[in-house]
Amino acid sequence: MWGFFPIYFHELRTAGAIEILAHRIVWSALTVALLITVIRRWDSVRELLRRPRKLAGISLAAVLIASNWGIYIYGVNSDHVVETSLGYFITPLITVLFGVIVYRERPSATQWTAIALGAIAVAVITIDYGRPPWIALGLAGSFGLYGLVKKQLQLPPTDGLLMEASALFLPAIAYLGWLSAAGRSTFTGVSASHTALLVLAGVLTAIPLLLFADAANRISMTHLGILQYAAPILQLLCGLVIFHEPMPAAQLVGFMLVWVAIIIISVDAVRRSRRTAASEENALDGAGAEPLAATAGGA
């Protein structure tokens, strides 16, 4: 679903990026509110309202995810779909870098190699563009910071998404009201399908986020991380095949460097995951062997 979002938002380009973003926020909030009513989680939401520090973190997360959504919509509707895919390709590298800066993590030599390749790729694309790839960097930076804040908050997915959308609900409604009063709203002035697509933007925002949260509980983080590359791959294909965006040689070299970095960091993650699993299995085997040996000796 994330991979084919460019097609969806491209159909809404009659509306400006900010109007689409405002509708996405409003309808996301209403969609998740309905879901929370169905699964009866309002008590936990009310509990969150009594925790000012959590609310401050949620407000920050809301601003970051809204920035990410807004940059993405702008990128798609300004014919920079390929660049948006680059942003999500380099997001994991940015996440590793944040781990070093914020959590003082010590990346392996392999991870440092991947980060360096990502930096070189951005430099190559910057030279080709004649400017930094601001859309890609904005997407990677905002989503990386969003992940950092969400890690600190440790909220259930439905509660977190509702609170984030709610934090932006009133400004979004106010903006849509202003657009309508000024006669600049496209909500009902284009076509019935346009109106329906704006409303469904909320549903299509909530569903993949909730599916992602559920998947995170079912498979390892290593596999989850690798699967996330499906979205930018599909977005890249949308840009090249459907919207016929150019891919100059220098830009292709930059993307190839990023893909090499992704392969390096993914292989490293799989190896680390296997080593951790093997260590845990050995520890369990050792713990089980000691009582058995003691019993045999006593006999």
C-alpha atoms as a PDB file:
ATOM      1  CA  MET A   1       0.000   0.000   0.000  1.00  0.00           C
ATOM      2  CA  TRP A   2       2.802   2.432   0.862  1.00  0.00           C
ATOM      3  CA  GLY A   3       4.544   1.551  -2.397  1.00  0.00           C
ATOM      4  CA  PHE A   4       1.561   2.534  -4.529  1.00  0.00           C
ATOM      5  CA  PHE A   5       0.748   5.763  -2.643  1.00  0.00           C
ATOM      6  CA  PRO A   6       2.269   7.892  -5.469  1.00  0.00           C
ATOM      7  CA  ILE A   7      -0.542   6.781  -7.788  1.00  0.00           C
ATOM      8  CA  TYR A   8      -3.164   7.679  -5.189  1.00  0.00           C
ATOM      9  CA  PHE A   9      -1.831  11.135  -4.333  1.00  0.00           C
ATOM     10  CA  HIS A  10      -1.123  11.892  -7.980  1.00  0.00           C
ATOM     11  CA  GLU A  11      -4.882  11.571  -8.582  1.00  0.00           C
ATOM     12  CA  LEU A  12      -5.423  14.318  -5.982  1.00  0.00           C
ATOM     13  CA  ARG A  13      -2.990  16.831  -7.446  1.00  0.00           C
ATOM     14  CA  THR A  14      -5.866  19.238  -8.251  1.00  0.00           C
ATOM     15  CA  ALA A  15      -5.755  20.038  -4.546  1.00  0.00           C
ATOM     16  CA  GLY A  16      -2.610  21.564  -3.073  1.00  0.00           C
ATOM     17  CA  ALA A  17      -0.276  19.556  -0.875  1.00  0.00           C
ATOM     18  CA  ILE A  18      -1.423  21.353   2.293  1.00  0.00           C
ATOM     19  CA  GLU A  19      -5.115  20.749   1.564  1.00  0.00           C
ATOM     20  CA  ILE A  20      -4.446  17.046   0.951  1.00  0.00           C
ATOM     21  CA  LEU A  21      -2.404  16.902   4.163  1.00  0.00           C
ATOM     22  CA  ALA A  22      -5.203  18.566   6.155  1.00  0.00           C
ATOM     23  CA  HIS A  23      -7.757  16.074   4.843  1.00  0.00           C
ATOM     24  CA  ARG A  24      -5.382  13.208   5.559  1.00  0.00           C
ATOM     25  CA  ILE A  25      -5.053  14.350   9.186  1.00  0.00           C
ATOM     26  CA  VAL A  26      -8.796  14.901   9.720  1.00  0.00           C
ATOM     27  CA  TRP A  27      -9.966  11.641   8.179  1.00  0.00           C
ATOM     28  CA  SER A  28      -7.146   9.663   9.830  1.00  0.00           C
ATOM     29  CA  ALA A  29      -8.239  10.945  13.226  1.00  0.00           C
ATOM     30  CA  LEU A  30     -11.882  10.037  12.569  1.00  0.00           C
ATOM     31  CA  THR A  31     -10.950   6.597  11.192  1.00  0.00           C
ATOM     32  CA  VAL A  32      -8.814   5.682  14.200  1.00  0.00           C
ATOM     33  CA  ALA A  33     -11.412   7.144  16.623  1.00  0.00           C
ATOM     34  CA  LEU A  34     -13.985   4.800  15.092  1.00  0.00           C
ATOM     35  CA  LEU A  35     -11.576   1.871  15.381  1.00  0.00           C
ATOM     36  CA  ILE A  36     -10.834   2.651  19.037  1.00  0.00           C
ATOM     37  CA  THR A  37     -14.580   2.762  19.698  1.00  0.00           C
ATOM     38  CA  VAL A  38     -14.973  -0.682  18.121  1.00  0.00           C
ATOM     39  CA  ILE A  39     -12.090  -2.240  20.100  1.00  0.00           C
ATOM     40  CA  ARG A  40     -13.029  -0.300  23.269  1.00  0.00           C
ATOM     41  CA  ARG A  41      -9.748   1.422  24.065  1.00  0.00           C
ATOM     42  CA  TRP A  42     -11.047   4.836  25.146  1.00  0.00           C
ATOM     43  CA  ASP A  43     -10.028   4.176  28.764  1.00  0.00           C
ATOM     44  CA  SER A  44      -6.361   3.919  27.771  1.00  0.00           C
ATOM     45  CA  VAL A  45      -6.682   7.079  25.660  1.00  0.00           C
ATOM     46  CA  ARG A  46      -8.162   8.970  28.636  1.00  0.00           C
ATOM     47  CA  GLU A  47      -5.265   7.718  30.753  1.00  0.00           C
ATOM     48  CA  LEU A  48      -2.827   9.233  28.250  1.00  0.00           C
ATOM     49  CA  LEU A  49      -4.536  12.620  28.620  1.00  0.00           C
ATOM     50  CA  ARG A  50      -3.445  12.671  32.278  1.00  0.00           C
ATOM     51  CA  ARG A  51       0.254  12.384  31.398  1.00  0.00           C
ATOM     52  CA  PRO A  52       1.632  15.789  30.306  1.00  0.00           C
ATOM     53  CA  ARG A  53       5.083  14.476  29.417  1.00  0.00           C
ATOM     54  CA  LYS A  54       3.596  11.850  27.095  1.00  0.00           C
ATOM     55  CA  LEU A  55       1.346  14.495  25.524  1.00  0.00           C
ATOM     56  CA  ALA A  56       4.372  16.700  24.815  1.00  0.00           C
ATOM     57  CA  GLY A  57       6.100  13.762  23.116  1.00  0.00           C
ATOM     58  CA  ILE A  58       2.952  12.946  21.145  1.00  0.00           C
ATOM     59  CA  SER A  59       2.719  16.570  19.961  1.00  0.00           C
ATOM     60  CA  LEU A  60       6.319  16.415  18.727  1.00  0.00           C
ATOM     61  CA  ALA A  61       5.654  13.095  16.987  1.00  0.00           C
ATOM     62  CA  ALA A  62       2.551  14.608  15.378  1.00  0.00           C
ATOM     63  CA  VAL A  63       4.522  17.538  13.951  1.00  0.00           C
ATOM     64  CA  LEU A  64       7.201  15.181  12.608  1.00  0.00           C
ATOM     65  CA  ILE A  65       4.806  12.745  10.929  1.00  0.00           C
ATOM     66  CA  ALA A  66       2.748  15.625   9.486  1.00  0.00           C
ATOM     67  CA  SER A  67       5.967  17.112   8.086  1.00  0.00           C
ATOM     68  CA  ASN A  68       6.812  13.725   6.572  1.00  0.00           C
ATOM     69  CA  TRP A  69       3.346  13.366   5.015  1.00  0.00           C
ATOM     70  CA  GLY A  70       3.429  16.935   3.689  1.00  0.00           C
ATOM     71  CA  ILE A  71       6.888  16.573   2.113  1.00  0.00           C
ATOM     72  CA  TYR A  72       5.843  13.276   0.552  1.00  0.00           C
ATOM     73  CA  ILE A  73       2.631  14.671  -0.945  1.00  0.00           C
ATOM     74  CA  TYR A  74       4.517  17.694  -2.275  1.00  0.00           C
ATOM     75  CA  GLY A  75       7.194  15.418  -3.771  1.00  0.00           C
ATOM     76  CA  VAL A  76       4.647  13.223  -5.550  1.00  0.00           C
ATOM     77  CA  ASN A  77       2.594  16.119  -6.906  1.00  0.00           C
ATOM     78  CA  SER A  78       5.657  18.076  -8.080  1.00  0.00           C
ATOM     79  CA  ASP A  79       6.909  15.108 -10.159  1.00  0.00           C
ATOM     80  CA  HIS A  80       9.654  14.022  -7.764  1.00  0.00           C
ATOM     81  CA  VAL A  81       8.436  10.481  -7.072  1.00  0.00           C
ATOM     82  CA  VAL A  82      11.917   9.045  -7.721  1.00  0.00           C
ATOM     83  CA  GLU A  83      13.378  11.424  -5.136  1.00  0.00           C
ATOM     84  CA  THR A  84      10.741  10.448  -2.572  1.00  0.00           C
ATOM     85  CA  SER A  85      11.758   6.811  -3.032  1.00  0.00           C
ATOM     86  CA  LEU A  86      15.374   7.817  -2.371  1.00  0.00           C
ATOM     87  CA  GLY A  87      14.238   9.359   0.922  1.00  0.00           C
ATOM     88  CA  TYR A  88      12.796   6.063   2.135  1.00  0.00           C
ATOM     89  CA  PHE A  89      15.824   4.137   0.876  1.00  0.00           C
ATOM     90  CA  ILE A  90      18.177   6.225   3.032  1.00  0.00           C
ATOM     91  CA  THR A  91      15.872   6.350   6.084  1.00  0.00           C
ATOM     92  CA  PRO A  92      17.417   3.198   7.675  1.00  0.00           C
ATOM     93  CA  LEU A  93      20.882   4.722   7.310  1.00  0.00           C
ATOM     94  CA  ILE A  94      19.652   7.903   9.011  1.00  0.00           C
ATOM     95  CA  THR A  95      18.128   5.747  11.775  1.00  0.00           C
ATOM     96  CA  VAL A  96      21.490   4.053  12.400  1.00  0.00           C
ATOM     97  CA  LEU A  97      23.132   7.481  12.527  1.00  0.00           C
ATOM     98  CA  PHE A  98      20.579   8.702  15.093  1.00  0.00           C
ATOM     99  CA  GLY A  99      21.356   5.613  17.160  1.00  0.00           C
ATOM    100  CA  VAL A 100      25.005   6.684  17.245  1.00  0.00           C
ATOM    101  CA  ILE A 101      24.229  10.315  18.085  1.00  0.00           C
ATOM    102  CA  VAL A 102      21.390   9.869  20.588  1.00  0.00           C
ATOM    103  CA  TYR A 103      21.944   6.440  22.158  1.00  0.00           C
ATOM    104  CA  ARG A 104      25.748   6.386  21.844  1.00  0.00           C
ATOM    105  CA  GLU A 105      25.510   3.083  20.025  1.00  0.00           C
ATOM    106  CA  ARG A 106      28.699   1.728  18.511  1.00  0.00           C
ATOM    107  CA  PRO A 107      28.119   0.691  14.907  1.00  0.00           C
ATOM    108  CA  SER A 108      30.230  -2.093  13.469  1.00  0.00           C
ATOM    109  CA  ALA A 109      32.708  -1.395  10.688  1.00  0.00           C
ATOM    110  CA  THR A 110      30.105  -2.832   8.309  1.00  0.00           C
ATOM    111  CA  GLN A 111      27.472  -0.341   9.459  1.00  0.00           C
ATOM    112  CA  TRP A 112      29.925   2.568   9.195  1.00  0.00           C
ATOM    113  CA  THR A 113      30.660   1.447   5.618  1.00  0.00           C
ATOM    114  CA  ALA A 114      26.943   1.515   4.807  1.00  0.00           C
ATOM    115  CA  ILE A 115      26.542   5.005   6.331  1.00  0.00           C
ATOM    116  CA  ALA A 116      29.575   6.268   4.375  1.00  0.00           C
ATOM    117  CA  LEU A 117      28.174   4.872   1.118  1.00  0.00           C
ATOM    118  CA  GLY A 118      24.860   6.596   1.842  1.00  0.00           C
ATOM    119  CA  ALA A 119      26.662   9.900   2.401  1.00  0.00           C
ATOM    120  CA  ILE A 120      28.618   9.488  -0.855  1.00  0.00           C
ATOM    121  CA  ALA A 121      25.373   8.693  -2.680  1.00  0.00           C
ATOM    122  CA  VAL A 122      23.765  11.917  -1.410  1.00  0.00           C
ATOM    123  CA  ALA A 123      26.884  13.852  -2.494  1.00  0.00           C
ATOM    124  CA  VAL A 124      26.762  12.319  -5.999  1.00  0.00           C
ATOM    125  CA  ILE A 125      23.056  13.130  -6.395  1.00  0.00           C
ATOM    126  CA  THR A 126      23.639  16.651  -5.017  1.00  0.00           C
ATOM    127  CA  ILE A 127      26.280  17.271  -7.690  1.00  0.00           C
ATOM    128  CA  ASP A 128      23.932  15.930 -10.370  1.00  0.00           C
ATOM    129  CA  TYR A 129      20.955  18.010  -9.193  1.00  0.00           C
ATOM    130  CA  GLY A 130      23.039  21.111  -8.548  1.00  0.00           C
ATOM    131  CA  ARG A 131      21.384  21.167  -5.123  1.00  0.00           C
ATOM    132  CA  PRO A 132      20.946  18.774  -2.183  1.00  0.00           C
ATOM    133  CA  PRO A 133      18.021  16.325  -2.632  1.00  0.00           C
ATOM    134  CA  TRP A 134      15.940  18.236  -0.085  1.00  0.00           C
ATOM    135  CA  ILE A 135      12.793  16.159  -0.539  1.00  0.00           C
ATOM    136  CA  ALA A 136      14.667  12.892   0.079  1.00  0.00           C
ATOM    137  CA  LEU A 137      16.607  14.330   3.034  1.00  0.00           C
ATOM    138  CA  GLY A 138      13.451  15.867   4.486  1.00  0.00           C
ATOM    139  CA  LEU A 139      11.588  12.555   4.285  1.00  0.00           C
ATOM    140  CA  ALA A 140      14.472  10.558   5.771  1.00  0.00           C
ATOM    141  CA  GLY A 141      15.148  13.074   8.528  1.00  0.00           C
ATOM    142  CA  SER A 142      11.526  13.582   9.572  1.00  0.00           C
ATOM    143  CA  PHE A 143      10.721   9.856   9.586  1.00  0.00           C
ATOM    144  CA  GLY A 144      13.970   9.003  11.366  1.00  0.00           C
ATOM    145  CA  LEU A 145      13.216  11.558  14.091  1.00  0.00           C
ATOM    146  CA  TYR A 146       9.615  10.324  14.259  1.00  0.00           C
ATOM    147  CA  GLY A 147      10.871   6.789  14.898  1.00  0.00           C
ATOM    148  CA  LEU A 148      13.194   8.128  17.586  1.00  0.00           C
ATOM    149  CA  VAL A 149      10.331   9.888  19.401  1.00  0.00           C
ATOM    150  CA  LYS A 150       8.029   6.869  19.037  1.00  0.00           C
ATOM    151  CA  LYS A 151      10.715   4.640  20.556  1.00  0.00           C
ATOM    152  CA  GLN A 152      10.749   6.917  23.599  1.00  0.00           C
ATOM    153  CA  LEU A 153       6.952   7.042  23.908  1.00  0.00           C
ATOM    154  CA  GLN A 154       6.311   3.258  23.685  1.00  0.00           C
ATOM    155  CA  LEU A 155       2.595   3.660  22.888  1.00  0.00           C
ATOM    156  CA  PRO A 156       0.141   1.113  21.450  1.00  0.00           C
ATOM    157  CA  PRO A 157      -0.256   1.795  17.708  1.00  0.00           C
ATOM    158  CA  THR A 158      -3.940   2.756  17.729  1.00  0.00           C
ATOM    159  CA  ASP A 159      -3.615   5.046  20.767  1.00  0.00           C
ATOM    160  CA  GLY A 160      -0.507   6.726  19.395  1.00  0.00           C
ATOM    161  CA  LEU A 161      -1.940   7.320  15.932  1.00  0.00           C
ATOM    162  CA  LEU A 162      -5.183   8.741  17.343  1.00  0.00           C
ATOM    163  CA  MET A 163      -3.375  11.122  19.677  1.00  0.00           C
ATOM    164  CA  GLU A 164      -0.995  12.278  16.939  1.00  0.00           C
ATOM    165  CA  ALA A 165      -3.835  12.949  14.499  1.00  0.00           C
ATOM    166  CA  SER A 166      -5.886  14.595  17.262  1.00  0.00           C
ATOM    167  CA  ALA A 167      -3.022  16.964  18.103  1.00  0.00           C
ATOM    168  CA  LEU A 168      -3.248  18.308  14.544  1.00  0.00           C
ATOM    169  CA  PHE A 169      -7.017  17.926  14.117  1.00  0.00           C
ATOM    170  CA  LEU A 170      -8.075  21.464  15.066  1.00  0.00           C
ATOM    171  CA  PRO A 171      -5.409  23.250  12.961  1.00  0.00           C
ATOM    172  CA  ALA A 172      -6.336  20.996  10.010  1.00  0.00           C
ATOM    173  CA  ILE A 173     -10.068  21.708  10.421  1.00  0.00           C
ATOM    174  CA  ALA A 174      -9.344  25.444  10.750  1.00  0.00           C
ATOM    175  CA  TYR A 175      -7.294  25.416   7.542  1.00  0.00           C
ATOM    176  CA  LEU A 176      -9.992  23.514   5.629  1.00  0.00           C
ATOM    177  CA  GLY A 177     -12.615  25.948   6.960  1.00  0.00           C
ATOM    178  CA  TRP A 178     -10.518  28.894   5.774  1.00  0.00           C
ATOM    179  CA  LEU A 179     -10.107  27.314   2.333  1.00  0.00           C
ATOM    180  CA  SER A 180     -13.851  26.792   2.075  1.00  0.00           C
ATOM    181  CA  ALA A 181     -14.648  30.350   3.188  1.00  0.00           C
ATOM    182  CA  ALA A 182     -12.155  31.733   0.676  1.00  0.00           C
ATOM    183  CA  GLY A 183     -13.686  29.645  -2.105  1.00  0.00           C
ATOM    184  CA  ARG A 184     -10.403  27.775  -2.628  1.00  0.00           C
ATOM    185  CA  SER A 185     -11.431  24.329  -1.368  1.00  0.00           C
ATOM    186  CA  THR A 186     -11.477  21.461  -3.855  1.00  0.00           C
ATOM    187  CA  PHE A 187     -13.358  19.100  -1.522  1.00  0.00           C
ATOM    188  CA  THR A 188     -16.717  19.367  -3.275  1.00  0.00           C
ATOM    189  CA  GLY A 189     -15.787  21.490  -6.268  1.00  0.00           C
ATOM    190  CA  VAL A 190     -13.991  18.994  -8.523  1.00  0.00           C
ATOM    191  CA  SER A 191     -15.830  15.669  -8.735  1.00  0.00           C
ATOM    192  CA  ALA A 192     -17.431  12.996  -6.575  1.00  0.00           C
ATOM    193  CA  SER A 193     -14.399  10.746  -7.059  1.00  0.00           C
ATOM    194  CA  HIS A 194     -12.068  13.550  -5.905  1.00  0.00           C
ATOM    195  CA  THR A 195     -14.151  14.007  -2.735  1.00  0.00           C
ATOM    196  CA  ALA A 196     -14.146  10.247  -2.100  1.00  0.00           C
ATOM    197  CA  LEU A 197     -10.375  10.021  -2.561  1.00  0.00           C
ATOM    198  CA  LEU A 198      -9.811  12.843  -0.046  1.00  0.00           C
ATOM    199  CA  VAL A 199     -12.016  11.087   2.530  1.00  0.00           C
ATOM    200  CA  LEU A 200     -10.392   7.696   1.917  1.00  0.00           C
ATOM    201  CA  ALA A 201      -6.924   9.215   2.426  1.00  0.00           C
ATOM    202  CA  GLY A 202      -7.555   8.822   6.150  1.00  0.00           C
ATOM    203  CA  VAL A 203      -8.414   5.131   5.830  1.00  0.00           C
ATOM    204  CA  LEU A 204      -5.427   4.509   3.566  1.00  0.00           C
ATOM    205  CA  THR A 205      -3.174   6.250   6.088  1.00  0.00           C
ATOM    206  CA  ALA A 206      -4.403   4.204   9.038  1.00  0.00           C
ATOM    207  CA  ILE A 207      -4.566   0.710   7.495  1.00  0.00           C
ATOM    208  CA  PRO A 208      -0.886   0.242   6.512  1.00  0.00           C
ATOM    209  CA  LEU A 209       0.296   1.753   9.805  1.00  0.00           C
ATOM    210  CA  LEU A 210      -1.864  -0.680  11.777  1.00  0.00           C
ATOM    211  CA  LEU A 211      -0.830  -3.624   9.567  1.00  0.00           C
ATOM    212  CA  PHE A 212       2.796  -2.636  10.110  1.00  0.00           C
ATOM    213  CA  ALA A 213       2.295  -2.524  13.883  1.00  0.00           C
ATOM    214  CA  ASP A 214       0.660  -5.965  13.832  1.00  0.00           C
ATOM    215  CA  ALA A 215       3.445  -7.382  11.646  1.00  0.00           C
ATOM    216  CA  ALA A 216       6.028  -6.066  14.099  1.00  0.00           C
ATOM    217  CA  ASN A 217       4.538  -8.372  16.728  1.00  0.00           C
ATOM    218  CA  ARG A 218       4.705 -11.422  14.451  1.00  0.00           C
ATOM    219  CA  ILE A 219       8.106 -11.366  12.726  1.00  0.00           C
ATOM    220  CA  SER A 220      11.634 -10.401  13.715  1.00  0.00           C
ATOM    221  CA  MET A 221      12.748  -6.780  13.460  1.00  0.00           C
ATOM    222  CA  THR A 222      15.457  -7.849  11.010  1.00  0.00           C
ATOM    223  CA  HIS A 223      12.944  -9.287   8.565  1.00  0.00           C
ATOM    224  CA  LEU A 224      10.569  -6.395   9.191  1.00  0.00           C
ATOM    225  CA  GLY A 225      13.321  -3.919   8.339  1.00  0.00           C
ATOM    226  CA  ILE A 226      14.244  -5.703   5.126  1.00  0.00           C
ATOM    227  CA  LEU A 227      10.600  -5.941   4.035  1.00  0.00           C
ATOM    228  CA  GLN A 228      10.285  -2.168   4.398  1.00  0.00           C
ATOM    229  CA  TYR A 229      12.432  -1.766   1.292  1.00  0.00           C
ATOM    230  CA  ALA A 230       9.479  -3.050  -0.764  1.00  0.00           C
ATOM    231  CA  ALA A 231       7.787   0.363  -0.439  1.00  0.00           C
ATOM    232  CA  PRO A 232      10.567   2.554  -1.910  1.00  0.00           C
ATOM    233  CA  ILE A 233      11.235  -0.051  -4.625  1.00  0.00           C
ATOM    234  CA  LEU A 234       7.582   0.167  -5.703  1.00  0.00           C
ATOM    235  CA  GLN A 235       7.658   3.972  -5.426  1.00  0.00           C
ATOM    236  CA  LEU A 236      10.755   4.079  -7.621  1.00  0.00           C
ATOM    237  CA  LEU A 237       9.036   1.875 -10.204  1.00  0.00           C
ATOM    238  CA  CYS A 238       5.978   4.151 -10.102  1.00  0.00           C
ATOM    239  CA  GLY A 239       8.206   7.153 -10.801  1.00  0.00           C
ATOM    240  CA  LEU A 240      10.092   5.503 -13.664  1.00  0.00           C
ATOM    241  CA  VAL A 241       7.447   3.322 -15.316  1.00  0.00           C
ATOM    242  CA  ILE A 242       4.135   5.093 -14.660  1.00  0.00           C
ATOM    243  CA  PHE A 243       5.124   8.779 -14.417  1.00  0.00           C
ATOM    244  CA  HIS A 244       8.159   8.501 -16.756  1.00  0.00           C
ATOM    245  CA  GLU A 245      10.474  10.532 -14.544  1.00  0.00           C
ATOM    246  CA  PRO A 246      14.087  10.671 -15.788  1.00  0.00           C
ATOM    247  CA  MET A 247      16.944   8.710 -14.217  1.00  0.00           C
ATOM    248  CA  PRO A 248      20.209  10.337 -15.383  1.00  0.00           C
ATOM    249  CA  ALA A 249      23.436   8.314 -15.163  1.00  0.00           C
ATOM    250  CA  ALA A 250      24.757  10.215 -12.130  1.00  0.00           C
ATOM    251  CA  GLN A 251      21.467   9.746 -10.281  1.00  0.00           C
ATOM    252  CA  LEU A 252      21.541   6.033 -11.115  1.00  0.00           C
ATOM    253  CA  VAL A 253      25.059   5.807  -9.642  1.00  0.00           C
ATOM    254  CA  GLY A 254      23.786   7.485  -6.465  1.00  0.00           C
ATOM    255  CA  PHE A 255      20.894   5.038  -6.174  1.00  0.00           C
ATOM    256  CA  MET A 256      23.242   2.099  -6.788  1.00  0.00           C
ATOM    257  CA  LEU A 257      25.477   3.261  -3.924  1.00  0.00           C
ATOM    258  CA  VAL A 258      22.422   3.424  -1.671  1.00  0.00           C
ATOM    259  CA  TRP A 259      21.358  -0.083  -2.748  1.00  0.00           C
ATOM    260  CA  VAL A 260      24.846  -1.444  -1.981  1.00  0.00           C
ATOM    261  CA  ALA A 261      24.624   0.211   1.445  1.00  0.00           C
ATOM    262  CA  ILE A 262      21.207  -1.397   1.976  1.00  0.00           C
ATOM    263  CA  ILE A 263      22.541  -4.846   1.040  1.00  0.00           C
ATOM    264  CA  ILE A 264      25.507  -4.415   3.409  1.00  0.00           C
ATOM    265  CA  ILE A 265      23.378  -3.273   6.341  1.00  0.00           C
ATOM    266  CA  SER A 266      20.716  -5.945   5.702  1.00  0.00           C
ATOM    267  CA  VAL A 267      23.259  -8.785   5.544  1.00  0.00           C
ATOM    268  CA  ASP A 268      24.859  -7.462   8.719  1.00  0.00           C
ATOM    269  CA  ALA A 269      21.450  -7.317  10.444  1.00  0.00           C
ATOM    270  CA  VAL A 270      20.637 -10.912   9.443  1.00  0.00           C
ATOM    271  CA  ARG A 271      24.009 -12.144  10.731  1.00  0.00           C
ATOM    272  CA  ARG A 272      23.568 -10.306  14.036  1.00  0.00           C
ATOM    273  CA  SER A 273      20.049 -11.716  14.396  1.00  0.00           C
ATOM    274  CA  ARG A 274      21.291 -15.259  13.811  1.00  0.00           C
ATOM    275  CA  ARG A 275      24.157 -14.847  16.278  1.00  0.00           C
ATOM    276  CA  THR A 276      21.766 -13.511  18.916  1.00  0.00           C
ATOM    277  CA  ALA A 277      19.321 -16.375  18.325  1.00  0.00           C
ATOM    278  CA  ALA A 278      22.160 -18.931  18.541  1.00  0.00           C
ATOM    279  CA  SER A 279      23.451 -17.375  21.789  1.00  0.00           C
ATOM    280  CA  GLU A 280      19.997 -17.450  23.337  1.00  0.00           C
ATOM    281  CA  GLU A 281      19.522 -21.072  22.272  1.00  0.00           C
ATOM    282  CA  ASN A 282      22.882 -22.048  23.766  1.00  0.00           C
ATOM    283  CA  ALA A 283      22.012 -20.229  26.984  1.00  0.00           C
ATOM    284  CA  LEU A 284      18.696 -22.097  27.220  1.00  0.00           C
ATOM    285  CA  ASP A 285      20.416 -25.422  26.506  1.00  0.00           C
ATOM    286  CA  GLY A 286      22.984 -24.702  29.213  1.00  0.00           C
ATOM    287  CA  ALA A 287      20.317 -23.745  31.735  1.00  0.00           C
ATOM    288  CA  GLY A 288      18.432 -26.957  30.982  1.00  0.00           C
ATOM    289  CA  ALA A 289      21.535 -29.148  31.214  1.00  0.00           C
ATOM    290  CA  GLU A 290      22.573 -28.136  34.747  1.00  0.00           C
ATOM    291  CA  PRO A 291      19.532 -29.507  36.630  1.00  0.00           C
ATOM    292  CA  LEU A 292      19.733 -32.703  34.556  1.00  0.00           C
ATOM    293  CA  ALA A 293      23.397 -33.235  35.463  1.00  0.00           C
ATOM    294  CA  ALA A 294      22.698 -32.611  39.139  1.00  0.00           C
ATOM    295  CA  THR A 295      19.899 -35.167  39.133  1.00  0.00           C
ATOM    296  CA  ALA A 296      22.081 -37.784  37.462  1.00  0.00           C
ATOM    297  CA  GLY A 297      24.891 -37.227  39.986  1.00  0.00           C
ATOM    298  CA  GLY A 298      22.518 -37.567  42.922  1.00  0.00           C
ATOM    299  CA  ALA A 299      21.176 -40.866  41.603  1.00  0.00           C
END
